[in-house]
């Protein structure tokens, strides 16, 4: 699968709501377990940058979360 990674300034990322991002974080926790990837403290921190929610594991953008999920989804298919 050839996908282009999200960048932090993708306007599409502004459409995500806090409940949607929380759901994606739960998916990240579940998909990451078999690989030893765990971010138990990661959560939506309520802060935004230019309309995009930040996630509290280093105040990263949702682009990082989506890119990690893409990698984990691809890895689980193999």
C-alpha atoms as a PDB file:
ATOM      1  CA  UNK A   1       0.000   0.000   0.000  1.00  0.00           C
ATOM      2  CA  UNK A   2       1.468   3.329  -1.025  1.00  0.00           C
ATOM      3  CA  UNK A   3       0.053   6.173   1.016  1.00  0.00           C
ATOM      4  CA  UNK A   4       1.268   9.692   1.388  1.00  0.00           C
ATOM      5  CA  UNK A   5       1.810  10.655   5.037  1.00  0.00           C
ATOM      6  CA  UNK A   6      -0.286  13.411   6.535  1.00  0.00           C
ATOM      7  CA  UNK A   7       1.517  16.641   7.238  1.00  0.00           C
ATOM      8  CA  UNK A   8       0.688  18.797  10.262  1.00  0.00           C
ATOM      9  CA  UNK A   9      -0.718  21.542   8.034  1.00  0.00           C
ATOM     10  CA  UNK A  10      -3.211  19.367   6.095  1.00  0.00           C
ATOM     11  CA  UNK A  11      -6.503  21.254   6.248  1.00  0.00           C
ATOM     12  CA  UNK A  12      -8.383  17.943   6.431  1.00  0.00           C
ATOM     13  CA  UNK A  13      -7.097  17.501   9.986  1.00  0.00           C
ATOM     14  CA  UNK A  14      -9.239  20.402  11.174  1.00  0.00           C
ATOM     15  CA  UNK A  15     -12.362  18.263  10.725  1.00  0.00           C
ATOM     16  CA  UNK A  16     -11.508  15.858  13.558  1.00  0.00           C
ATOM     17  CA  UNK A  17     -13.407  16.287  16.805  1.00  0.00           C
ATOM     18  CA  UNK A  18     -12.165  15.422  20.280  1.00  0.00           C
ATOM     19  CA  UNK A  19     -14.312  12.235  20.492  1.00  0.00           C
ATOM     20  CA  UNK A  20     -12.985  11.086  17.097  1.00  0.00           C
ATOM     21  CA  UNK A  21      -9.383  11.664  18.140  1.00  0.00           C
ATOM     22  CA  UNK A  22     -10.006   9.872  21.436  1.00  0.00           C
ATOM     23  CA  UNK A  23     -11.338   6.901  19.460  1.00  0.00           C
ATOM     24  CA  UNK A  24      -8.233   6.937  17.246  1.00  0.00           C
ATOM     25  CA  UNK A  25      -6.046   6.956  20.362  1.00  0.00           C
ATOM     26  CA  UNK A  26      -7.877   3.876  21.641  1.00  0.00           C
ATOM     27  CA  UNK A  27      -7.208   2.203  18.297  1.00  0.00           C
ATOM     28  CA  UNK A  28      -3.534   3.177  18.552  1.00  0.00           C
ATOM     29  CA  UNK A  29      -3.337   1.599  22.008  1.00  0.00           C
ATOM     30  CA  UNK A  30      -4.905  -1.644  20.789  1.00  0.00           C
ATOM     31  CA  UNK A  31      -2.954  -1.918  17.527  1.00  0.00           C
ATOM     32  CA  UNK A  32       0.296  -0.975  19.222  1.00  0.00           C
ATOM     33  CA  UNK A  33       0.146  -3.666  21.926  1.00  0.00           C
ATOM     34  CA  UNK A  34       1.480  -6.533  19.769  1.00  0.00           C
ATOM     35  CA  UNK A  35       4.430  -4.349  18.779  1.00  0.00           C
ATOM     36  CA  UNK A  36       5.193  -3.158  22.303  1.00  0.00           C
ATOM     37  CA  UNK A  37       4.029   0.343  21.407  1.00  0.00           C
ATOM     38  CA  UNK A  38       2.024   1.788  24.250  1.00  0.00           C
ATOM     39  CA  UNK A  39       1.052   5.351  24.998  1.00  0.00           C
ATOM     40  CA  UNK A  40      -1.200   4.883  27.987  1.00  0.00           C
ATOM     41  CA  UNK A  41      -0.933   8.534  28.918  1.00  0.00           C
ATOM     42  CA  UNK A  42      -1.716   9.883  25.442  1.00  0.00           C
ATOM     43  CA  UNK A  43      -4.884  11.927  25.351  1.00  0.00           C
ATOM     44  CA  UNK A  44      -6.444  14.911  23.619  1.00  0.00           C
ATOM     45  CA  UNK A  45      -5.196  17.842  25.657  1.00  0.00           C
ATOM     46  CA  UNK A  46      -7.761  20.410  24.497  1.00  0.00           C
ATOM     47  CA  UNK A  47      -5.151  22.711  22.965  1.00  0.00           C
ATOM     48  CA  UNK A  48      -5.222  23.598  19.295  1.00  0.00           C
ATOM     49  CA  UNK A  49      -2.823  25.055  16.788  1.00  0.00           C
ATOM     50  CA  UNK A  50      -4.503  26.777  13.859  1.00  0.00           C
ATOM     51  CA  UNK A  51      -7.710  24.812  14.480  1.00  0.00           C
ATOM     52  CA  UNK A  52      -6.052  21.407  14.832  1.00  0.00           C
ATOM     53  CA  UNK A  53      -6.289  19.452  18.092  1.00  0.00           C
ATOM     54  CA  UNK A  54      -3.068  18.537  19.861  1.00  0.00           C
ATOM     55  CA  UNK A  55      -2.479  15.182  21.481  1.00  0.00           C
ATOM     56  CA  UNK A  56      -0.616  14.955  24.730  1.00  0.00           C
ATOM     57  CA  UNK A  57       2.420  12.851  24.070  1.00  0.00           C
ATOM     58  CA  UNK A  58       4.755  15.695  23.366  1.00  0.00           C
ATOM     59  CA  UNK A  59       1.889  17.906  22.107  1.00  0.00           C
ATOM     60  CA  UNK A  60       2.030  16.327  18.699  1.00  0.00           C
ATOM     61  CA  UNK A  61      -0.520  16.933  15.988  1.00  0.00           C
ATOM     62  CA  UNK A  62      -3.158  14.514  14.823  1.00  0.00           C
ATOM     63  CA  UNK A  63      -1.057  14.009  11.675  1.00  0.00           C
ATOM     64  CA  UNK A  64       1.457  12.052  13.773  1.00  0.00           C
ATOM     65  CA  UNK A  65      -1.320   9.922  15.247  1.00  0.00           C
ATOM     66  CA  UNK A  66      -2.779   9.151  11.817  1.00  0.00           C
ATOM     67  CA  UNK A  67       0.630   8.336  10.366  1.00  0.00           C
ATOM     68  CA  UNK A  68       1.382   5.957  13.252  1.00  0.00           C
ATOM     69  CA  UNK A  69      -1.983   4.265  12.802  1.00  0.00           C
ATOM     70  CA  UNK A  70      -1.352   3.877   9.078  1.00  0.00           C
ATOM     71  CA  UNK A  71       1.957   2.135   9.795  1.00  0.00           C
ATOM     72  CA  UNK A  72       0.397  -0.143  12.411  1.00  0.00           C
ATOM     73  CA  UNK A  73      -2.542  -1.044  10.159  1.00  0.00           C
ATOM     74  CA  UNK A  74      -0.145  -1.916   7.354  1.00  0.00           C
ATOM     75  CA  UNK A  75       2.056  -3.972   9.688  1.00  0.00           C
ATOM     76  CA  UNK A  76      -0.922  -5.973  10.940  1.00  0.00           C
ATOM     77  CA  UNK A  77      -1.843  -6.944   7.363  1.00  0.00           C
ATOM     78  CA  UNK A  78       1.502  -8.675   6.835  1.00  0.00           C
END
